[in-house]
Every structure is written in C-alpha cells, then in structure tokens.
C-alpha cells in the first residue's frame, strides 16, 4: 500500500519537526499531520484519513502508548499503526505488534537513519514492514 497521508504523534516537538522535515524530503507528495499534544489524542486519531500511516511515539506524556495502539487497531483497522521509540526492547517490539501495530522501530540517531526508516515505512511492499523495520 502506498500511503498518501502520514500522521506523526510525538509529544517531543523537536522530534516531530525533524520527522516532518525528513518526510517532506523522502516523500514530498505525502500529506503530513503532526500531533504533539497527547491530551485528547485518541479522539483526534479516530478522525484521521482512511488508510493513513500513523507513527506513534511509545511514550506520550507520562503514559505508554500500547493501550492507545490496541484501541486504535480495534476501532480503525484501516490505519497502519507504527510504534517508534528512542529505546525499544525486544519485549516492547513484540508487545506493540501483538497490540495491533504493523511495525515497531527504534528512532534513528541520525538523519540518514530517519530517511531509511521512512523510505522503508512508505515502501509499497508494506506487508513486509514488521520484519523490515524491526
């Protein structure tokens, strides 16, 4: 599936800005929406475009987003949910996938890593995402 809409959910504004800018370079035709305020995020995500790629930080505010991914996966199975985290243990990776995420990945430490990650996530062969970005 080729994505035309990407939603970035990250309460660290700098990370959200970097993600948006790198996505604009990698896929300039993709519409990008950014949510940095975790308050009311679930309701806002229920209204995003059908088939969107949703990149969700593992920790939003003081809460982990595993439950959010589970609820979104059940309510909006059309969305492609991806958990991103600065630190992602193998257990967290598996928990995200079991909860309904299509993929889970550690946030890269440099811009070239962000480019590679987004290229992989936006690849039309999205059926391989869970393995390719693990």
Protein backbone atom coordinates (compact mmCIF):
# COMPACT_ATOMS: atom_id res chain seq x y z
CA UNK A 1 0.00 0.00 0.00
CA UNK A 2 1.36 3.41 -0.92
CA UNK A 3 0.47 6.00 1.70
CA UNK A 4 -0.81 9.45 0.82
CA UNK A 5 -1.30 10.54 4.45
CA UNK A 6 1.09 10.24 7.37
CA UNK A 7 0.28 11.22 10.93
CA UNK A 8 3.10 11.84 13.41
CA UNK A 9 2.20 11.55 17.09
CA UNK A 10 5.10 12.69 19.28
CA UNK A 11 4.94 14.96 22.31
CA UNK A 12 8.59 15.92 21.83
CA UNK A 13 8.16 18.83 19.44
CA UNK A 14 11.74 18.68 18.12
CA UNK A 15 11.31 15.03 17.12
CA UNK A 16 8.01 15.82 15.41
CA UNK A 17 9.58 18.69 13.44
CA UNK A 18 12.54 16.55 12.36
CA UNK A 19 10.19 13.75 11.31
CA UNK A 20 8.04 16.13 9.29
CA UNK A 21 11.03 17.67 7.51
CA UNK A 22 12.62 14.34 6.66
CA UNK A 23 9.27 13.01 5.41
CA UNK A 24 8.95 16.08 3.17
CA UNK A 25 12.32 15.21 1.62
CA UNK A 26 11.61 11.49 1.26
CA UNK A 27 8.01 11.80 0.05
CA UNK A 28 7.10 15.37 -0.92
CA UNK A 29 3.65 14.40 -2.19
CA UNK A 30 2.58 12.81 1.11
CA UNK A 31 0.33 14.90 3.36
CA UNK A 32 1.76 15.03 6.89
CA UNK A 33 -0.23 15.85 10.02
CA UNK A 34 1.54 16.31 13.36
CA UNK A 35 0.04 15.94 16.82
CA UNK A 36 2.30 16.96 19.70
CA UNK A 37 -0.27 17.36 22.48
CA UNK A 38 -1.19 13.97 23.94
CA UNK A 39 -4.38 15.37 25.51
CA UNK A 40 -7.35 14.01 23.57
CA UNK A 41 -5.12 12.25 21.07
CA UNK A 42 -7.28 9.16 20.74
CA UNK A 43 -10.32 11.15 19.58
CA UNK A 44 -8.19 13.06 17.07
CA UNK A 45 -6.67 9.87 15.69
CA UNK A 46 -10.09 8.31 15.20
CA UNK A 47 -10.76 11.11 12.69
CA UNK A 48 -7.65 10.81 10.51
CA UNK A 49 -7.86 9.91 6.84
CA UNK A 50 -8.68 6.34 5.91
CA UNK A 51 -5.59 4.24 5.27
CA UNK A 52 -3.17 6.69 6.88
CA UNK A 53 0.23 5.68 8.19
CA UNK A 54 0.24 6.68 11.88
CA UNK A 55 3.62 6.94 13.62
CA UNK A 56 3.13 6.89 17.39
CA UNK A 57 5.80 7.54 19.99
CA UNK A 58 5.95 4.81 22.65
CA UNK A 59 5.64 7.32 25.49
CA UNK A 60 3.16 10.20 25.24
CA UNK A 61 3.14 12.48 28.24
CA UNK A 62 3.61 10.11 31.14
CA UNK A 63 1.80 7.18 29.55
CA UNK A 64 2.96 4.39 27.29
CA UNK A 65 1.01 4.14 24.05
CA UNK A 66 0.48 0.37 23.92
CA UNK A 67 -3.14 0.73 25.03
CA UNK A 68 -3.73 3.50 22.52
CA UNK A 69 -2.45 1.26 19.72
CA UNK A 70 -4.70 -1.60 20.86
CA UNK A 71 -7.79 0.62 20.91
CA UNK A 72 -6.99 2.28 17.57
CA UNK A 73 -6.28 -1.06 15.95
CA UNK A 74 -9.70 -2.32 17.04
CA UNK A 75 -11.60 0.86 16.14
CA UNK A 76 -9.73 1.75 12.92
CA UNK A 77 -8.32 -1.39 11.31
CA UNK A 78 -7.76 0.64 8.11
CA UNK A 79 -4.90 2.56 9.73
CA UNK A 80 -1.30 1.40 9.57
CA UNK A 81 -0.01 1.94 13.11
CA UNK A 82 3.71 2.07 13.79
CA UNK A 83 5.27 2.48 17.23
CA UNK A 84 8.51 4.47 17.39
CA UNK A 85 10.68 4.80 20.48
CA UNK A 86 14.06 6.14 21.50
CA UNK A 87 14.58 2.82 23.27
CA UNK A 88 12.65 -0.24 22.15
CA UNK A 89 13.31 -3.56 23.82
CA UNK A 90 12.51 -6.83 22.04
CA UNK A 91 9.64 -7.27 24.51
CA UNK A 92 8.22 -3.82 23.70
CA UNK A 93 8.57 -4.57 19.99
CA UNK A 94 6.57 -7.78 20.34
CA UNK A 95 4.01 -6.13 22.61
CA UNK A 96 3.39 -3.40 20.01
CA UNK A 97 2.91 -5.97 17.25
CA UNK A 98 0.59 -8.09 19.41
CA UNK A 99 -1.40 -4.93 20.19
CA UNK A 100 -2.06 -4.23 16.53
CA UNK A 101 0.91 -2.20 15.32
CA UNK A 102 2.08 -3.07 11.82
CA UNK A 103 5.64 -2.34 12.87
CA UNK A 104 7.72 -1.05 15.76
CA UNK A 105 11.13 0.56 15.45
CA UNK A 106 13.72 2.40 17.44
CA UNK A 107 14.10 6.04 16.49
CA UNK A 108 17.29 6.51 14.46
CA UNK A 109 20.13 8.58 15.85
CA UNK A 110 20.88 10.50 12.65
CA UNK A 111 19.13 11.99 9.63
CA UNK A 112 20.22 9.27 7.23
CA UNK A 113 18.69 6.71 9.58
CA UNK A 114 15.41 8.67 9.62
CA UNK A 115 15.43 8.75 5.81
CA UNK A 116 15.96 4.98 5.61
CA UNK A 117 13.23 4.33 8.17
CA UNK A 118 10.68 6.48 6.35
CA UNK A 119 11.61 5.01 2.97
CA UNK A 120 11.00 1.52 4.38
CA UNK A 121 7.71 2.50 6.01
CA UNK A 122 6.44 4.23 2.87
CA UNK A 123 7.50 1.39 0.55
CA UNK A 124 4.53 -0.02 -1.36
CA UNK A 125 5.52 -3.51 -0.21
CA UNK A 126 4.14 -2.64 3.24
CA UNK A 127 3.28 -6.24 4.01
CA UNK A 128 6.93 -6.70 4.98
CA UNK A 129 7.04 -3.72 7.37
CA UNK A 130 7.01 -5.58 10.65
CA UNK A 131 10.11 -7.50 9.67
CA UNK A 132 11.95 -4.82 7.72
CA UNK A 133 11.98 -2.10 10.39
CA UNK A 134 12.25 -4.25 13.49
